[in-house]
Amino acid sequence: MTGPLHEFLTHDHARLDELLRQAGAGPQVALEPYEEFREGLLRHIAMEEKVLLPEARRRQGGQPLALAKRLRADHSVLAALLVPTPTLELLGALRRVVAEHNPLEEDAGGVYESCEQLVGAEAEALLPRIRAVPQVPVARHFDGPRAHEGIANLLRARAALRDG
């Protein structure tokens, strides 16, 4: 079942995927599409974390979606990967996480379908709340060792959650 929430969020995934592709299409990271991707991904994560997942939890009597913990682990890794100055290696890591993450939301039985079922006819009313999520303030890139250590720790925790 696809409805307005599924369509809007899946379309945004496609837009972000294209920006990520453009950013890594050459011998160096193309900064303009990368920065647009970075801002867009942070906003997309905010839409899910601030509106979609809390609404699903509310509609399930306080119980989070079964995949909520995994989505939040992915969102943490994705946000952390956006902190350092982008490299082609970093873009590869982003692509790998996104390739595993998006199907959890988009595929049949995924989060978007579950949310559509939970909100039912009110999906159209929820969409303006999702669209109203503002851009997330974006800090300058940080390349200190803590940024890379944090990424490594989050990737390990994500793998343990996925594999466990």
C-alpha atoms as a PDB file:
ATOM      1  CA  MET A   1       0.000   0.000   0.000  1.00  0.00           C
ATOM      2  CA  THR A   2       1.432   3.332  -0.975  1.00  0.00           C
ATOM      3  CA  GLY A   3      -0.187   6.570  -0.036  1.00  0.00           C
ATOM      4  CA  PRO A   4       0.824  10.198   0.268  1.00  0.00           C
ATOM      5  CA  LEU A   5       3.366   9.706   3.073  1.00  0.00           C
ATOM      6  CA  HIS A   6       5.058   6.809   1.304  1.00  0.00           C
ATOM      7  CA  GLU A   7       5.127   8.684  -1.998  1.00  0.00           C
ATOM      8  CA  PHE A   8       6.485  11.921  -0.517  1.00  0.00           C
ATOM      9  CA  LEU A   9       9.227  10.277   1.546  1.00  0.00           C
ATOM     10  CA  THR A  10      10.229   7.820  -1.198  1.00  0.00           C
ATOM     11  CA  HIS A  11      10.454  10.692  -3.681  1.00  0.00           C
ATOM     12  CA  ASP A  12      12.727  12.504  -1.228  1.00  0.00           C
ATOM     13  CA  HIS A  13      14.925   9.386  -0.990  1.00  0.00           C
ATOM     14  CA  ALA A  14      15.248   9.385  -4.788  1.00  0.00           C
ATOM     15  CA  ARG A  15      16.213  13.078  -4.772  1.00  0.00           C
ATOM     16  CA  LEU A  16      18.836  12.473  -2.089  1.00  0.00           C
ATOM     17  CA  ASP A  17      20.183   9.389  -3.895  1.00  0.00           C
ATOM     18  CA  GLU A  18      20.665  11.464  -7.040  1.00  0.00           C
ATOM     19  CA  LEU A  19      22.501  14.205  -5.154  1.00  0.00           C
ATOM     20  CA  LEU A  20      24.776  11.610  -3.561  1.00  0.00           C
ATOM     21  CA  ARG A  21      25.423  10.089  -6.988  1.00  0.00           C
ATOM     22  CA  GLN A  22      26.302  13.505  -8.417  1.00  0.00           C
ATOM     23  CA  ALA A  23      28.586  14.265  -5.475  1.00  0.00           C
ATOM     24  CA  GLY A  24      30.632  11.141  -6.139  1.00  0.00           C
ATOM     25  CA  ALA A  25      30.506  11.017  -9.934  1.00  0.00           C
ATOM     26  CA  GLY A  26      33.951  12.500 -10.531  1.00  0.00           C
ATOM     27  CA  PRO A  27      37.498  11.953  -9.348  1.00  0.00           C
ATOM     28  CA  GLN A  28      36.810  14.281  -6.384  1.00  0.00           C
ATOM     29  CA  VAL A  29      33.727  15.003  -4.301  1.00  0.00           C
ATOM     30  CA  ALA A  30      31.538  17.598  -6.001  1.00  0.00           C
ATOM     31  CA  LEU A  31      30.834  19.902  -3.076  1.00  0.00           C
ATOM     32  CA  GLU A  32      27.692  21.651  -4.319  1.00  0.00           C
ATOM     33  CA  PRO A  33      25.555  18.506  -4.692  1.00  0.00           C
ATOM     34  CA  TYR A  34      27.163  17.039  -1.572  1.00  0.00           C
ATOM     35  CA  GLU A  35      26.206  20.014   0.603  1.00  0.00           C
ATOM     36  CA  GLU A  36      22.665  19.929  -0.816  1.00  0.00           C
ATOM     37  CA  PHE A  37      22.582  16.184  -0.023  1.00  0.00           C
ATOM     38  CA  ARG A  38      23.893  16.840   3.496  1.00  0.00           C
ATOM     39  CA  GLU A  39      21.259  19.469   4.257  1.00  0.00           C
ATOM     40  CA  GLY A  40      18.520  17.383   2.655  1.00  0.00           C
ATOM     41  CA  LEU A  41      19.439  14.198   4.492  1.00  0.00           C
ATOM     42  CA  LEU A  42      19.474  15.937   7.850  1.00  0.00           C
ATOM     43  CA  ARG A  43      16.031  17.388   7.140  1.00  0.00           C
ATOM     44  CA  HIS A  44      14.731  14.005   5.949  1.00  0.00           C
ATOM     45  CA  ILE A  45      15.967  12.366   9.154  1.00  0.00           C
ATOM     46  CA  ALA A  46      14.269  15.145  11.159  1.00  0.00           C
ATOM     47  CA  MET A  47      10.969  14.514   9.337  1.00  0.00           C
ATOM     48  CA  GLU A  48      11.089  10.881  10.376  1.00  0.00           C
ATOM     49  CA  GLU A  49      12.430  11.421  13.907  1.00  0.00           C
ATOM     50  CA  LYS A  50      10.262  14.402  14.840  1.00  0.00           C
ATOM     51  CA  VAL A  51       6.979  13.567  13.095  1.00  0.00           C
ATOM     52  CA  LEU A  52       6.690  10.103  11.538  1.00  0.00           C
ATOM     53  CA  LEU A  53       8.134   7.831  14.249  1.00  0.00           C
ATOM     54  CA  PRO A  54       6.517   9.711  17.173  1.00  0.00           C
ATOM     55  CA  GLU A  55       3.135   9.657  15.394  1.00  0.00           C
ATOM     56  CA  ALA A  56       3.437   5.909  14.790  1.00  0.00           C
ATOM     57  CA  ARG A  57       4.354   5.379  18.436  1.00  0.00           C
ATOM     58  CA  ARG A  58       1.387   7.473  19.589  1.00  0.00           C
ATOM     59  CA  ARG A  59      -0.974   5.493  17.374  1.00  0.00           C
ATOM     60  CA  GLN A  60       0.344   2.247  18.823  1.00  0.00           C
ATOM     61  CA  GLY A  61      -0.424   3.268  22.377  1.00  0.00           C
ATOM     62  CA  GLY A  62       3.159   4.246  23.170  1.00  0.00           C
ATOM     63  CA  GLN A  63       4.806   1.263  21.514  1.00  0.00           C
ATOM     64  CA  PRO A  64       7.455   2.160  18.928  1.00  0.00           C
ATOM     65  CA  LEU A  65       7.474   0.548  15.512  1.00  0.00           C
ATOM     66  CA  ALA A  66       9.361  -2.742  15.457  1.00  0.00           C
ATOM     67  CA  LEU A  67      12.085  -1.209  13.267  1.00  0.00           C
ATOM     68  CA  ALA A  68      12.358   2.110  15.145  1.00  0.00           C
ATOM     69  CA  LYS A  69      15.523   1.155  17.036  1.00  0.00           C
ATOM     70  CA  ARG A  70      17.270   0.068  13.841  1.00  0.00           C
ATOM     71  CA  LEU A  71      16.156   3.213  11.990  1.00  0.00           C
ATOM     72  CA  ARG A  72      17.481   5.392  14.778  1.00  0.00           C
ATOM     73  CA  ALA A  73      20.821   3.568  14.703  1.00  0.00           C
ATOM     74  CA  ASP A  74      21.002   4.156  10.949  1.00  0.00           C
ATOM     75  CA  HIS A  75      20.037   7.806  11.359  1.00  0.00           C
ATOM     76  CA  SER A  76      22.807   8.241  13.949  1.00  0.00           C
ATOM     77  CA  VAL A  77      25.401   6.715  11.623  1.00  0.00           C
ATOM     78  CA  LEU A  78      24.217   8.775   8.664  1.00  0.00           C
ATOM     79  CA  ALA A  79      24.346  12.013  10.671  1.00  0.00           C
ATOM     80  CA  ALA A  80      27.822  11.163  11.971  1.00  0.00           C
ATOM     81  CA  LEU A  81      29.052  10.439   8.443  1.00  0.00           C
ATOM     82  CA  LEU A  82      28.026  13.983   7.495  1.00  0.00           C
ATOM     83  CA  VAL A  83      30.345  15.571  10.065  1.00  0.00           C
ATOM     84  CA  PRO A  84      33.812  15.180   8.457  1.00  0.00           C
ATOM     85  CA  THR A  85      34.882  16.819   5.236  1.00  0.00           C
ATOM     86  CA  PRO A  86      33.534  14.552   2.488  1.00  0.00           C
ATOM     87  CA  THR A  87      35.834  12.144   0.684  1.00  0.00           C
ATOM     88  CA  LEU A  88      35.012   9.518  -1.914  1.00  0.00           C
ATOM     89  CA  GLU A  89      35.542   6.878   0.790  1.00  0.00           C
ATOM     90  CA  LEU A  90      33.046   8.641   3.038  1.00  0.00           C
ATOM     91  CA  LEU A  91      30.535   8.796   0.166  1.00  0.00           C
ATOM     92  CA  GLY A  92      30.962   5.041  -0.263  1.00  0.00           C
ATOM     93  CA  ALA A  93      30.101   4.504   3.401  1.00  0.00           C
ATOM     94  CA  LEU A  94      27.050   6.759   3.037  1.00  0.00           C
ATOM     95  CA  ARG A  95      25.915   4.794  -0.028  1.00  0.00           C
ATOM     96  CA  ARG A  96      26.273   1.463   1.794  1.00  0.00           C
ATOM     97  CA  VAL A  97      24.216   2.607   4.792  1.00  0.00           C
ATOM     98  CA  VAL A  98      21.549   4.229   2.596  1.00  0.00           C
ATOM     99  CA  ALA A  99      21.335   1.087   0.420  1.00  0.00           C
ATOM    100  CA  GLU A 100      20.497  -0.999   3.503  1.00  0.00           C
ATOM    101  CA  HIS A 101      18.371   1.645   5.204  1.00  0.00           C
ATOM    102  CA  ASN A 102      15.981   2.820   2.492  1.00  0.00           C
ATOM    103  CA  PRO A 103      14.407  -0.603   1.826  1.00  0.00           C
ATOM    104  CA  LEU A 104      13.512  -0.855   5.528  1.00  0.00           C
ATOM    105  CA  GLU A 105      11.338   2.180   4.977  1.00  0.00           C
ATOM    106  CA  GLU A 106      10.232   1.849   1.353  1.00  0.00           C
ATOM    107  CA  ASP A 107       9.687  -1.857   0.698  1.00  0.00           C
ATOM    108  CA  ALA A 108       6.429  -3.740   1.170  1.00  0.00           C
ATOM    109  CA  GLY A 109       5.862  -4.173   4.897  1.00  0.00           C
ATOM    110  CA  GLY A 110       8.345  -1.394   5.618  1.00  0.00           C
ATOM    111  CA  VAL A 111       8.065   1.600   7.883  1.00  0.00           C
ATOM    112  CA  TYR A 112       6.290   3.850   5.395  1.00  0.00           C
ATOM    113  CA  GLU A 113       3.649   1.231   4.677  1.00  0.00           C
ATOM    114  CA  SER A 114       3.212   0.586   8.408  1.00  0.00           C
ATOM    115  CA  CYS A 115       2.775   4.292   9.068  1.00  0.00           C
ATOM    116  CA  GLU A 116       0.252   4.621   6.235  1.00  0.00           C
ATOM    117  CA  GLN A 117      -1.765   1.801   7.798  1.00  0.00           C
ATOM    118  CA  LEU A 118      -1.578   3.326  11.285  1.00  0.00           C
ATOM    119  CA  VAL A 119      -2.726   6.793  10.221  1.00  0.00           C
ATOM    120  CA  GLY A 120      -5.209   5.574   7.622  1.00  0.00           C
ATOM    121  CA  ALA A 121      -7.326   8.348   6.154  1.00  0.00           C
ATOM    122  CA  GLU A 122      -5.400  10.923   8.200  1.00  0.00           C
ATOM    123  CA  ALA A 123      -2.252  10.491   6.082  1.00  0.00           C
ATOM    124  CA  GLU A 124      -3.104  13.587   4.048  1.00  0.00           C
ATOM    125  CA  ALA A 125      -3.422  15.589   7.271  1.00  0.00           C
ATOM    126  CA  LEU A 126      -0.034  14.369   8.539  1.00  0.00           C
ATOM    127  CA  LEU A 127       1.809  15.272   5.338  1.00  0.00           C
ATOM    128  CA  PRO A 128       1.758  19.066   5.986  1.00  0.00           C
ATOM    129  CA  ARG A 129       3.391  18.458   9.390  1.00  0.00           C
ATOM    130  CA  ILE A 130       6.137  16.469   7.683  1.00  0.00           C
ATOM    131  CA  ARG A 131       6.623  19.104   4.980  1.00  0.00           C
ATOM    132  CA  ALA A 132       6.760  21.848   7.632  1.00  0.00           C
ATOM    133  CA  VAL A 133       9.869  20.385   9.275  1.00  0.00           C
ATOM    134  CA  PRO A 134      12.476  23.111   8.818  1.00  0.00           C
ATOM    135  CA  GLN A 135      15.992  22.747   7.515  1.00  0.00           C
ATOM    136  CA  VAL A 136      18.372  21.530  10.199  1.00  0.00           C
ATOM    137  CA  PRO A 137      21.180  23.968  10.979  1.00  0.00           C
ATOM    138  CA  VAL A 138      24.341  22.558   9.443  1.00  0.00           C
ATOM    139  CA  ALA A 139      27.660  23.030  11.205  1.00  0.00           C
ATOM    140  CA  ARG A 140      31.024  23.266   9.520  1.00  0.00           C
ATOM    141  CA  HIS A 141      32.755  19.982   8.814  1.00  0.00           C
ATOM    142  CA  PHE A 142      34.907  18.645  11.621  1.00  0.00           C
ATOM    143  CA  ASP A 143      37.802  16.302  10.932  1.00  0.00           C
ATOM    144  CA  GLY A 144      39.183  15.681  14.394  1.00  0.00           C
ATOM    145  CA  PRO A 145      39.892  12.136  15.580  1.00  0.00           C
ATOM    146  CA  ARG A 146      36.737  12.088  17.692  1.00  0.00           C
ATOM    147  CA  ALA A 147      34.583  12.453  14.574  1.00  0.00           C
ATOM    148  CA  HIS A 148      36.127   9.382  12.984  1.00  0.00           C
ATOM    149  CA  GLU A 149      36.144   7.423  16.263  1.00  0.00           C
ATOM    150  CA  GLY A 150      32.472   8.254  16.711  1.00  0.00           C
ATOM    151  CA  ILE A 151      31.673   7.006  13.217  1.00  0.00           C
ATOM    152  CA  ALA A 152      33.542   3.755  13.828  1.00  0.00           C
ATOM    153  CA  ASN A 153      31.711   3.213  17.144  1.00  0.00           C
ATOM    154  CA  LEU A 154      28.307   3.933  15.604  1.00  0.00           C
ATOM    155  CA  LEU A 155      29.015   1.602  12.666  1.00  0.00           C
ATOM    156  CA  ARG A 156      29.941  -1.192  15.112  1.00  0.00           C
ATOM    157  CA  ALA A 157      26.805  -0.610  17.186  1.00  0.00           C
ATOM    158  CA  ARG A 158      24.671  -0.542  14.032  1.00  0.00           C
ATOM    159  CA  ALA A 159      26.203  -3.813  12.823  1.00  0.00           C
ATOM    160  CA  ALA A 160      25.588  -5.465  16.197  1.00  0.00           C
ATOM    161  CA  LEU A 161      21.957  -4.330  16.149  1.00  0.00           C
ATOM    162  CA  ARG A 162      21.491  -5.481  12.542  1.00  0.00           C
ATOM    163  CA  ASP A 163      23.212  -8.831  13.072  1.00  0.00           C
ATOM    164  CA  GLY A 164      21.977  -9.476  16.592  1.00  0.00           C
END
